[in-house]
Full PDB file with SEQRES, HELIX, SHEET, SSBOND, CRYST1, ORIGX, SCALE, CONECT and MASTER records, all heavy atoms in Angstrom:
SEQRES   1 A   33  LYS ASN LEU GLU ASN GLN ILE PRO SER ASP ILE ASP TRP          
SEQRES   2 A   33  ILE ILE ARG VAL ASP GLY HIS THR ASP LYS LYS GLN VAL          
SEQRES   3 A   33  VAL PRO GLY THR LYS GLY TYR                                  
HELIX    1 AA1 ASN A    2  GLN A    6  1                                   5    
CRYST1    1.000    1.000    1.000  90.00  90.00  90.00 P 1           1          
ORIGX1      1.000000  0.000000  0.000000        0.00000                         
ORIGX2      0.000000  1.000000  0.000000        0.00000                         
ORIGX3      0.000000  0.000000  1.000000        0.00000                         
SCALE1      1.000000  0.000000  0.000000        0.00000                         
SCALE2      0.000000  1.000000  0.000000        0.00000                         
SCALE3      0.000000  0.000000  1.000000        0.00000                         
ATOM      1  N   LYS A   1      56.481   5.915  -5.128  1.00  0.00           N  
ATOM      2  CA  LYS A   1      56.873   5.438  -6.454  1.00  0.00           C  
ATOM      3  C   LYS A   1      55.677   5.425  -7.404  1.00  0.00           C  
ATOM      4  O   LYS A   1      55.790   5.796  -8.582  1.00  0.00           O  
ATOM      5  CB  LYS A   1      57.479   4.041  -6.340  1.00  0.00           C  
ATOM      6  CG  LYS A   1      58.860   4.031  -5.752  1.00  0.00           C  
ATOM      7  CD  LYS A   1      59.520   2.664  -5.834  1.00  0.00           C  
ATOM      8  CE  LYS A   1      58.791   1.642  -4.986  1.00  0.00           C  
ATOM      9  NZ  LYS A   1      59.460   0.313  -5.038  1.00  0.00           N  
ATOM     10  N   ASN A   2      54.511   5.044  -6.931  1.00  0.00           N  
ATOM     11  CA  ASN A   2      53.312   5.091  -7.760  1.00  0.00           C  
ATOM     12  C   ASN A   2      52.969   6.521  -8.145  1.00  0.00           C  
ATOM     13  O   ASN A   2      52.515   6.790  -9.266  1.00  0.00           O  
ATOM     14  CB  ASN A   2      52.138   4.449  -7.023  1.00  0.00           C  
ATOM     15  CG  ASN A   2      52.318   2.950  -6.848  1.00  0.00           C  
ATOM     16  OD1 ASN A   2      53.013   2.297  -7.652  1.00  0.00           O  
ATOM     17  ND2 ASN A   2      51.735   2.395  -5.780  1.00  0.00           N  
ATOM     18  N   LEU A   3      53.218   7.447  -7.173  1.00  0.00           N  
ATOM     19  CA  LEU A   3      52.923   8.852  -7.435  1.00  0.00           C  
ATOM     20  C   LEU A   3      53.837   9.416  -8.515  1.00  0.00           C  
ATOM     21  O   LEU A   3      53.432  10.258  -9.318  1.00  0.00           O  
ATOM     22  CB  LEU A   3      53.062   9.655  -6.128  1.00  0.00           C  
ATOM     23  CG  LEU A   3      52.580  11.103  -6.158  1.00  0.00           C  
ATOM     24  CD1 LEU A   3      51.076  11.161  -6.383  1.00  0.00           C  
ATOM     25  CD2 LEU A   3      52.928  11.815  -4.858  1.00  0.00           C  
ATOM     26  N   GLU A   4      55.091   8.965  -8.543  1.00  0.00           N  
ATOM     27  CA  GLU A   4      56.028   9.435  -9.566  1.00  0.00           C  
ATOM     28  C   GLU A   4      55.508   9.126 -10.968  1.00  0.00           C  
ATOM     29  O   GLU A   4      55.723   9.910 -11.905  1.00  0.00           O  
ATOM     30  CB  GLU A   4      57.397   8.781  -9.364  1.00  0.00           C  
ATOM     31  CG  GLU A   4      58.187   9.337  -8.206  1.00  0.00           C  
ATOM     32  CD  GLU A   4      59.580   8.728  -8.099  1.00  0.00           C  
ATOM     33  OE1 GLU A   4      59.676   7.566  -7.688  1.00  0.00           O  
ATOM     34  OE2 GLU A   4      60.544   9.436  -8.439  1.00  0.00           O  
ATOM     35  N   ASN A   5      54.816   8.019 -11.144  1.00  0.00           N  
ATOM     36  CA  ASN A   5      54.304   7.643 -12.458  1.00  0.00           C  
ATOM     37  C   ASN A   5      53.055   8.424 -12.825  1.00  0.00           C  
ATOM     38  O   ASN A   5      52.704   8.523 -14.001  1.00  0.00           O  
ATOM     39  CB  ASN A   5      53.993   6.141 -12.482  1.00  0.00           C  
ATOM     40  CG  ASN A   5      55.251   5.299 -12.279  1.00  0.00           C  
ATOM     41  OD1 ASN A   5      56.344   5.689 -12.714  1.00  0.00           O  
ATOM     42  ND2 ASN A   5      55.102   4.153 -11.611  1.00  0.00           N  
ATOM     43  N   GLN A   6      52.371   9.032 -11.812  1.00  0.00           N  
ATOM     44  CA  GLN A   6      51.117   9.733 -12.060  1.00  0.00           C  
ATOM     45  C   GLN A   6      51.332  11.233 -12.303  1.00  0.00           C  
ATOM     46  O   GLN A   6      50.618  11.835 -13.112  1.00  0.00           O  
ATOM     47  CB  GLN A   6      50.165   9.536 -10.881  1.00  0.00           C  
ATOM     48  CG  GLN A   6      49.753   8.093 -10.645  1.00  0.00           C  
ATOM     49  CD  GLN A   6      48.887   7.939  -9.408  1.00  0.00           C  
ATOM     50  OE1 GLN A   6      48.361   8.915  -8.880  1.00  0.00           O  
ATOM     51  NE2 GLN A   6      48.738   6.692  -8.954  1.00  0.00           N  
ATOM     52  N   ILE A   7      52.292  11.826 -11.605  1.00  0.00           N  
ATOM     53  CA  ILE A   7      52.509  13.279 -11.721  1.00  0.00           C  
ATOM     54  C   ILE A   7      53.242  13.559 -13.030  1.00  0.00           C  
ATOM     55  O   ILE A   7      54.266  12.945 -13.331  1.00  0.00           O  
ATOM     56  CB  ILE A   7      53.317  13.817 -10.532  1.00  0.00           C  
ATOM     57  CG1 ILE A   7      52.562  13.570  -9.211  1.00  0.00           C  
ATOM     58  CG2 ILE A   7      53.594  15.311 -10.685  1.00  0.00           C  
ATOM     59  CD1 ILE A   7      53.310  13.988  -7.982  1.00  0.00           C  
ATOM     60  N   PRO A   8      52.739  14.518 -13.857  1.00  0.00           N  
ATOM     61  CA  PRO A   8      53.401  14.850 -15.130  1.00  0.00           C  
ATOM     62  C   PRO A   8      54.839  15.293 -14.900  1.00  0.00           C  
ATOM     63  O   PRO A   8      55.189  15.862 -13.863  1.00  0.00           O  
ATOM     64  CB  PRO A   8      52.541  15.976 -15.692  1.00  0.00           C  
ATOM     65  CG  PRO A   8      51.205  15.793 -15.049  1.00  0.00           C  
ATOM     66  CD  PRO A   8      51.491  15.262 -13.681  1.00  0.00           C  
ATOM     67  N   SER A   9      55.655  15.070 -15.895  1.00  0.00           N  
ATOM     68  CA  SER A   9      57.086  15.387 -15.771  1.00  0.00           C  
ATOM     69  C   SER A   9      57.359  16.874 -15.750  1.00  0.00           C  
ATOM     70  O   SER A   9      58.434  17.314 -15.307  1.00  0.00           O  
ATOM     71  CB  SER A   9      57.855  14.726 -16.934  1.00  0.00           C  
ATOM     72  OG  SER A   9      57.359  15.219 -18.190  1.00  0.00           O  
ATOM     73  N   ASP A  10      56.407  17.725 -16.210  1.00  0.00           N  
ATOM     74  CA  ASP A  10      56.641  19.169 -16.202  1.00  0.00           C  
ATOM     75  C   ASP A  10      56.385  19.796 -14.833  1.00  0.00           C  
ATOM     76  O   ASP A  10      56.611  20.988 -14.640  1.00  0.00           O  
ATOM     77  CB  ASP A  10      55.773  19.840 -17.264  1.00  0.00           C  
ATOM     78  CG  ASP A  10      54.291  19.590 -17.025  1.00  0.00           C  
ATOM     79  OD1 ASP A  10      53.971  18.622 -16.299  1.00  0.00           O  
ATOM     80  OD2 ASP A  10      53.469  20.367 -17.531  1.00  0.00           O  
ATOM     81  N   ILE A  11      55.907  19.020 -13.851  1.00  0.00           N  
ATOM     82  CA  ILE A  11      55.704  19.534 -12.475  1.00  0.00           C  
ATOM     83  C   ILE A  11      56.917  19.124 -11.640  1.00  0.00           C  
ATOM     84  O   ILE A  11      57.211  17.935 -11.476  1.00  0.00           O  
ATOM     85  CB  ILE A  11      54.416  18.957 -11.870  1.00  0.00           C  
ATOM     86  CG1 ILE A  11      53.191  19.396 -12.696  1.00  0.00           C  
ATOM     87  CG2 ILE A  11      54.276  19.413 -10.418  1.00  0.00           C  
ATOM     88  CD1 ILE A  11      51.893  18.814 -12.198  1.00  0.00           C  
ATOM     89  N   ASP A  12      57.626  20.156 -11.128  1.00  0.00           N  
ATOM     90  CA  ASP A  12      58.842  19.896 -10.326  1.00  0.00           C  
ATOM     91  C   ASP A  12      58.435  19.769  -8.855  1.00  0.00           C  
ATOM     92  O   ASP A  12      58.273  20.759  -8.152  1.00  0.00           O  
ATOM     93  CB  ASP A  12      59.838  21.047 -10.519  1.00  0.00           C  
ATOM     94  CG  ASP A  12      61.208  20.714  -9.931  1.00  0.00           C  
ATOM     95  OD1 ASP A  12      61.418  19.542  -9.557  1.00  0.00           O  
ATOM     96  OD2 ASP A  12      62.053  21.627  -9.858  1.00  0.00           O  
ATOM     97  N   TRP A  13      58.244  18.560  -8.388  1.00  0.00           N  
ATOM     98  CA  TRP A  13      57.773  18.310  -7.038  1.00  0.00           C  
ATOM     99  C   TRP A  13      58.830  17.577  -6.214  1.00  0.00           C  
ATOM    100  O   TRP A  13      59.725  16.934  -6.753  1.00  0.00           O  
ATOM    101  CB  TRP A  13      56.474  17.489  -7.065  1.00  0.00           C  
ATOM    102  CG  TRP A  13      56.635  16.145  -7.696  1.00  0.00           C  
ATOM    103  CD1 TRP A  13      56.570  15.853  -9.028  1.00  0.00           C  
ATOM    104  CD2 TRP A  13      56.922  14.922  -7.013  1.00  0.00           C  
ATOM    105  NE1 TRP A  13      56.794  14.526  -9.264  1.00  0.00           N  
ATOM    106  CE2 TRP A  13      57.012  13.927  -8.021  1.00  0.00           C  
ATOM    107  CE3 TRP A  13      57.106  14.555  -5.682  1.00  0.00           C  
ATOM    108  CZ2 TRP A  13      57.285  12.586  -7.722  1.00  0.00           C  
ATOM    109  CZ3 TRP A  13      57.360  13.238  -5.396  1.00  0.00           C  
ATOM    110  CH2 TRP A  13      57.447  12.266  -6.402  1.00  0.00           C  
ATOM    111  N   ILE A  14      58.689  17.669  -4.859  1.00  0.00           N  
ATOM    112  CA  ILE A  14      59.607  17.001  -3.928  1.00  0.00           C  
ATOM    113  C   ILE A  14      58.814  16.495  -2.728  1.00  0.00           C  
ATOM    114  O   ILE A  14      57.656  16.903  -2.520  1.00  0.00           O  
ATOM    115  CB  ILE A  14      60.720  17.943  -3.415  1.00  0.00           C  
ATOM    116  CG1 ILE A  14      60.108  19.164  -2.704  1.00  0.00           C  
ATOM    117  CG2 ILE A  14      61.662  18.356  -4.544  1.00  0.00           C  
ATOM    118  CD1 ILE A  14      61.115  20.042  -2.012  1.00  0.00           C  
ATOM    119  N   ILE A  15      59.414  15.584  -2.021  1.00  0.00           N  
ATOM    120  CA  ILE A  15      58.891  15.148  -0.721  1.00  0.00           C  
ATOM    121  C   ILE A  15      59.826  15.707   0.359  1.00  0.00           C  
ATOM    122  O   ILE A  15      60.999  15.316   0.456  1.00  0.00           O  
ATOM    123  CB  ILE A  15      58.822  13.613  -0.614  1.00  0.00           C  
ATOM    124  CG1 ILE A  15      57.896  13.036  -1.678  1.00  0.00           C  
ATOM    125  CG2 ILE A  15      58.366  13.200   0.789  1.00  0.00           C  
ATOM    126  CD1 ILE A  15      56.441  13.389  -1.487  1.00  0.00           C  
ATOM    127  N   ARG A  16      59.309  16.628   1.156  1.00  0.00           N  
ATOM    128  CA  ARG A  16      60.105  17.147   2.276  1.00  0.00           C  
ATOM    129  C   ARG A  16      60.037  16.166   3.444  1.00  0.00           C  
ATOM    130  O   ARG A  16      58.946  15.716   3.827  1.00  0.00           O  
ATOM    131  CB  ARG A  16      59.579  18.509   2.734  1.00  0.00           C  
ATOM    132  CG  ARG A  16      59.960  19.661   1.827  1.00  0.00           C  
ATOM    133  CD  ARG A  16      59.526  20.991   2.412  1.00  0.00           C  
ATOM    134  NE  ARG A  16      59.999  21.148   3.794  1.00  0.00           N  
ATOM    135  CZ  ARG A  16      59.746  22.223   4.542  1.00  0.00           C  
ATOM    136  NH1 ARG A  16      59.017  23.213   4.050  1.00  0.00           N  
ATOM    137  NH2 ARG A  16      60.211  22.288   5.776  1.00  0.00           N  
ATOM    138  N   VAL A  17      61.232  15.828   3.979  1.00  0.00           N  
ATOM    139  CA  VAL A  17      61.322  14.930   5.136  1.00  0.00           C  
ATOM    140  C   VAL A  17      61.881  15.762   6.297  1.00  0.00           C  
ATOM    141  O   VAL A  17      63.088  16.015   6.370  1.00  0.00           O  
ATOM    142  CB  VAL A  17      62.218  13.715   4.849  1.00  0.00           C  
ATOM    143  CG1 VAL A  17      62.234  12.783   6.054  1.00  0.00           C  
ATOM    144  CG2 VAL A  17      61.750  12.992   3.594  1.00  0.00           C  
ATOM    145  N   ASP A  18      61.001  16.238   7.191  1.00  0.00           N  
ATOM    146  CA  ASP A  18      61.403  17.129   8.280  1.00  0.00           C  
ATOM    147  C   ASP A  18      61.469  16.354   9.593  1.00  0.00           C  
ATOM    148  O   ASP A  18      60.485  15.725  10.011  1.00  0.00           O  
ATOM    149  CB  ASP A  18      60.407  18.274   8.432  1.00  0.00           C  
ATOM    150  CG  ASP A  18      60.352  19.151   7.190  1.00  0.00           C  
ATOM    151  OD1 ASP A  18      61.331  19.136   6.423  1.00  0.00           O  
ATOM    152  OD2 ASP A  18      59.328  19.840   6.994  1.00  0.00           O  
ATOM    153  N   GLY A  19      62.645  16.423  10.266  1.00  0.00           N  
ATOM    154  CA  GLY A  19      62.824  15.761  11.559  1.00  0.00           C  
ATOM    155  C   GLY A  19      62.614  16.732  12.706  1.00  0.00           C  
ATOM    156  O   GLY A  19      63.080  17.878  12.668  1.00  0.00           O  
ATOM    157  N   HIS A  20      61.904  16.285  13.763  1.00  0.00           N  
ATOM    158  CA  HIS A  20      61.634  17.102  14.955  1.00  0.00           C  
ATOM    159  C   HIS A  20      61.883  16.252  16.204  1.00  0.00           C  
ATOM    160  O   HIS A  20      61.649  15.046  16.192  1.00  0.00           O  
ATOM    161  CB  HIS A  20      60.193  17.606  14.967  1.00  0.00           C  
ATOM    162  CG  HIS A  20      59.856  18.490  13.805  1.00  0.00           C  
ATOM    163  ND1 HIS A  20      59.996  19.852  13.824  1.00  0.00           N  
ATOM    164  CD2 HIS A  20      59.382  18.170  12.557  1.00  0.00           C  
ATOM    165  CE1 HIS A  20      59.610  20.355  12.668  1.00  0.00           C  
ATOM    166  NE2 HIS A  20      59.235  19.345  11.871  1.00  0.00           N  
ATOM    167  N   THR A  21      62.334  16.910  17.294  1.00  0.00           N  
ATOM    168  CA  THR A  21      62.571  16.220  18.575  1.00  0.00           C  
ATOM    169  C   THR A  21      61.789  16.924  19.680  1.00  0.00           C  
ATOM    170  O   THR A  21      61.229  18.012  19.486  1.00  0.00           O  
ATOM    171  CB  THR A  21      64.063  16.230  18.952  1.00  0.00           C  
ATOM    172  OG1 THR A  21      64.456  17.583  19.231  1.00  0.00           O  
ATOM    173  CG2 THR A  21      64.918  15.679  17.826  1.00  0.00           C  
ATOM    174  N   ASP A  22      61.754  16.294  20.884  1.00  0.00           N  
ATOM    175  CA  ASP A  22      61.202  17.000  22.039  1.00  0.00           C  
ATOM    176  C   ASP A  22      62.277  17.921  22.612  1.00  0.00           C  
ATOM    177  O   ASP A  22      63.381  18.018  22.073  1.00  0.00           O  
ATOM    178  CB  ASP A  22      60.700  16.000  23.086  1.00  0.00           C  
ATOM    179  CG  ASP A  22      61.806  15.060  23.563  1.00  0.00           C  
ATOM    180  OD1 ASP A  22      62.998  15.447  23.515  1.00  0.00           O  
ATOM    181  OD2 ASP A  22      61.488  13.932  23.980  1.00  0.00           O  
ATOM    182  N   LYS A  23      61.936  18.596  23.704  1.00  0.00           N  
ATOM    183  CA  LYS A  23      62.876  19.597  24.225  1.00  0.00           C  
ATOM    184  C   LYS A  23      63.784  19.072  25.326  1.00  0.00           C  
ATOM    185  O   LYS A  23      64.469  19.838  26.001  1.00  0.00           O  
ATOM    186  CB  LYS A  23      62.113  20.813  24.743  1.00  0.00           C  
ATOM    187  CG  LYS A  23      61.141  20.535  25.869  1.00  0.00           C  
ATOM    188  CD  LYS A  23      60.424  21.827  26.233  1.00  0.00           C  
ATOM    189  CE  LYS A  23      59.423  21.620  27.348  1.00  0.00           C  
ATOM    190  NZ  LYS A  23      58.700  22.868  27.673  1.00  0.00           N  
ATOM    191  N   LYS A  24      63.816  17.762  25.533  1.00  0.00           N  
ATOM    192  CA  LYS A  24      64.783  17.202  26.471  1.00  0.00           C  
ATOM    193  C   LYS A  24      66.185  17.398  25.932  1.00  0.00           C  
ATOM    194  O   LYS A  24      66.454  17.102  24.768  1.00  0.00           O  
ATOM    195  CB  LYS A  24      64.511  15.714  26.691  1.00  0.00           C  
ATOM    196  CG  LYS A  24      63.272  15.412  27.513  1.00  0.00           C  
ATOM    197  CD  LYS A  24      63.139  13.924  27.746  1.00  0.00           C  
ATOM    198  CE  LYS A  24      61.924  13.612  28.614  1.00  0.00           C  
ATOM    199  NZ  LYS A  24      61.800  12.150  28.835  1.00  0.00           N  
ATOM    200  N   GLN A  25      67.084  17.903  26.788  1.00  0.00           N  
ATOM    201  CA  GLN A  25      68.438  18.193  26.340  1.00  0.00           C  
ATOM    202  C   GLN A  25      69.242  16.904  26.179  1.00  0.00           C  
ATOM    203  O   GLN A  25      69.036  15.930  26.913  1.00  0.00           O  
ATOM    204  CB  GLN A  25      69.149  19.135  27.319  1.00  0.00           C  
ATOM    205  CG  GLN A  25      68.476  20.491  27.445  1.00  0.00           C  
ATOM    206  CD  GLN A  25      68.419  21.233  26.131  1.00  0.00           C  
ATOM    207  OE1 GLN A  25      69.413  21.305  25.403  1.00  0.00           O  
ATOM    208  NE2 GLN A  25      67.247  21.777  25.796  1.00  0.00           N  
ATOM    209  N   VAL A  26      70.170  16.943  25.217  1.00  0.00           N  
ATOM    210  CA  VAL A  26      71.036  15.796  24.968  1.00  0.00           C  
ATOM    211  C   VAL A  26      72.012  15.634  26.127  1.00  0.00           C  
ATOM    212  O   VAL A  26      72.564  16.621  26.640  1.00  0.00           O  
ATOM    213  CB  VAL A  26      71.801  15.982  23.641  1.00  0.00           C  
ATOM    214  CG1 VAL A  26      72.804  14.860  23.427  1.00  0.00           C  
ATOM    215  CG2 VAL A  26      70.811  16.038  22.477  1.00  0.00           C  
ATOM    216  N   VAL A  27      72.222  14.410  26.561  1.00  0.00           N  
ATOM    217  CA  VAL A  27      73.165  14.141  27.649  1.00  0.00           C  
ATOM    218  C   VAL A  27      74.587  14.463  27.163  1.00  0.00           C  
ATOM    219  O   VAL A  27      74.987  14.000  26.093  1.00  0.00           O  
ATOM    220  CB  VAL A  27      73.081  12.668  28.096  1.00  0.00           C  
ATOM    221  CG1 VAL A  27      74.107  12.375  29.183  1.00  0.00           C  
ATOM    222  CG2 VAL A  27      71.678  12.348  28.581  1.00  0.00           C  
ATOM    223  N   PRO A  28      75.342  15.302  27.906  1.00  0.00           N  
ATOM    224  CA  PRO A  28      76.708  15.631  27.481  1.00  0.00           C  
ATOM    225  C   PRO A  28      77.551  14.374  27.306  1.00  0.00           C  
ATOM    226  O   PRO A  28      77.482  13.439  28.100  1.00  0.00           O  
ATOM    227  CB  PRO A  28      77.240  16.502  28.632  1.00  0.00           C  
ATOM    228  CG  PRO A  28      76.015  17.076  29.272  1.00  0.00           C  
ATOM    229  CD  PRO A  28      74.964  16.023  29.142  1.00  0.00           C  
ATOM    230  N   GLY A  29      78.343  14.359  26.238  1.00  0.00           N  
ATOM    231  CA  GLY A  29      79.209  13.219  25.970  1.00  0.00           C  
ATOM    232  C   GLY A  29      78.582  12.173  25.073  1.00  0.00           C  
ATOM    233  O   GLY A  29      79.207  11.149  24.765  1.00  0.00           O  
ATOM    234  N   THR A  30      77.310  12.415  24.633  1.00  0.00           N  
ATOM    235  CA  THR A  30      76.650  11.460  23.734  1.00  0.00           C  
ATOM    236  C   THR A  30      77.390  11.411  22.400  1.00  0.00           C  
ATOM    237  O   THR A  30      77.691  12.452  21.813  1.00  0.00           O  
ATOM    238  CB  THR A  30      75.183  11.871  23.507  1.00  0.00           C  
ATOM    239  OG1 THR A  30      74.509  11.895  24.766  1.00  0.00           O  
ATOM    240  CG2 THR A  30      74.502  10.875  22.573  1.00  0.00           C  
ATOM    241  N   LYS A  31      77.694  10.228  21.939  1.00  0.00           N  
ATOM    242  CA  LYS A  31      78.433  10.065  20.689  1.00  0.00           C  
ATOM    243  C   LYS A  31      77.477  10.193  19.502  1.00  0.00           C  
ATOM    244  O   LYS A  31      76.322   9.767  19.557  1.00  0.00           O  
ATOM    245  CB  LYS A  31      79.114   8.697  20.647  1.00  0.00           C  
ATOM    246  CG  LYS A  31      80.212   8.532  21.678  1.00  0.00           C  
ATOM    247  CD  LYS A  31      80.900   7.185  21.539  1.00  0.00           C  
ATOM    248  CE  LYS A  31      82.013   7.031  22.562  1.00  0.00           C  
ATOM    249  NZ  LYS A  31      82.686   5.732  22.457  1.00  0.00           N  
ATOM    250  N   GLY A  32      77.960  10.780  18.418  1.00  0.00           N  
ATOM    251  CA  GLY A  32      77.195  10.859  17.182  1.00  0.00           C  
ATOM    252  C   GLY A  32      76.549  12.200  16.949  1.00  0.00           C  
ATOM    253  O   GLY A  32      76.389  12.620  15.795  1.00  0.00           O  
ATOM    254  N   TYR A  33      76.154  12.900  17.988  1.00  0.00           N  
ATOM    255  CA  TYR A  33      75.536  14.216  17.838  1.00  0.00           C  
ATOM    256  C   TYR A  33      75.684  14.957  19.164  1.00  0.00           C  
ATOM    257  O   TYR A  33      75.864  14.352  20.215  1.00  0.00           O  
ATOM    258  CB  TYR A  33      74.070  14.099  17.441  1.00  0.00           C  
ATOM    259  CG  TYR A  33      73.243  13.267  18.385  1.00  0.00           C  
ATOM    260  CD1 TYR A  33      72.587  13.845  19.470  1.00  0.00           C  
ATOM    261  CD2 TYR A  33      73.111  11.888  18.201  1.00  0.00           C  
ATOM    262  CE1 TYR A  33      71.832  13.085  20.342  1.00  0.00           C  
ATOM    263  CE2 TYR A  33      72.356  11.123  19.077  1.00  0.00           C  
ATOM    264  CZ  TYR A  33      71.718  11.722  20.147  1.00  0.00           C  
ATOM    265  OH  TYR A  33      70.974  10.978  21.012  1.00  0.00           O  
TER     266      TYR A  33                                                      
MASTER        0    0    0    1    0    0    0    6  265    1    0    3          
END                                                                             
């Protein structure tokens, strides 16, 4: 939020939020994903 007030409005910037997991396989039947 502080950064939003500092960066000029003519610069189109974003914060990328990238999710990563380990390689353990999901247990079959897990709810939600």
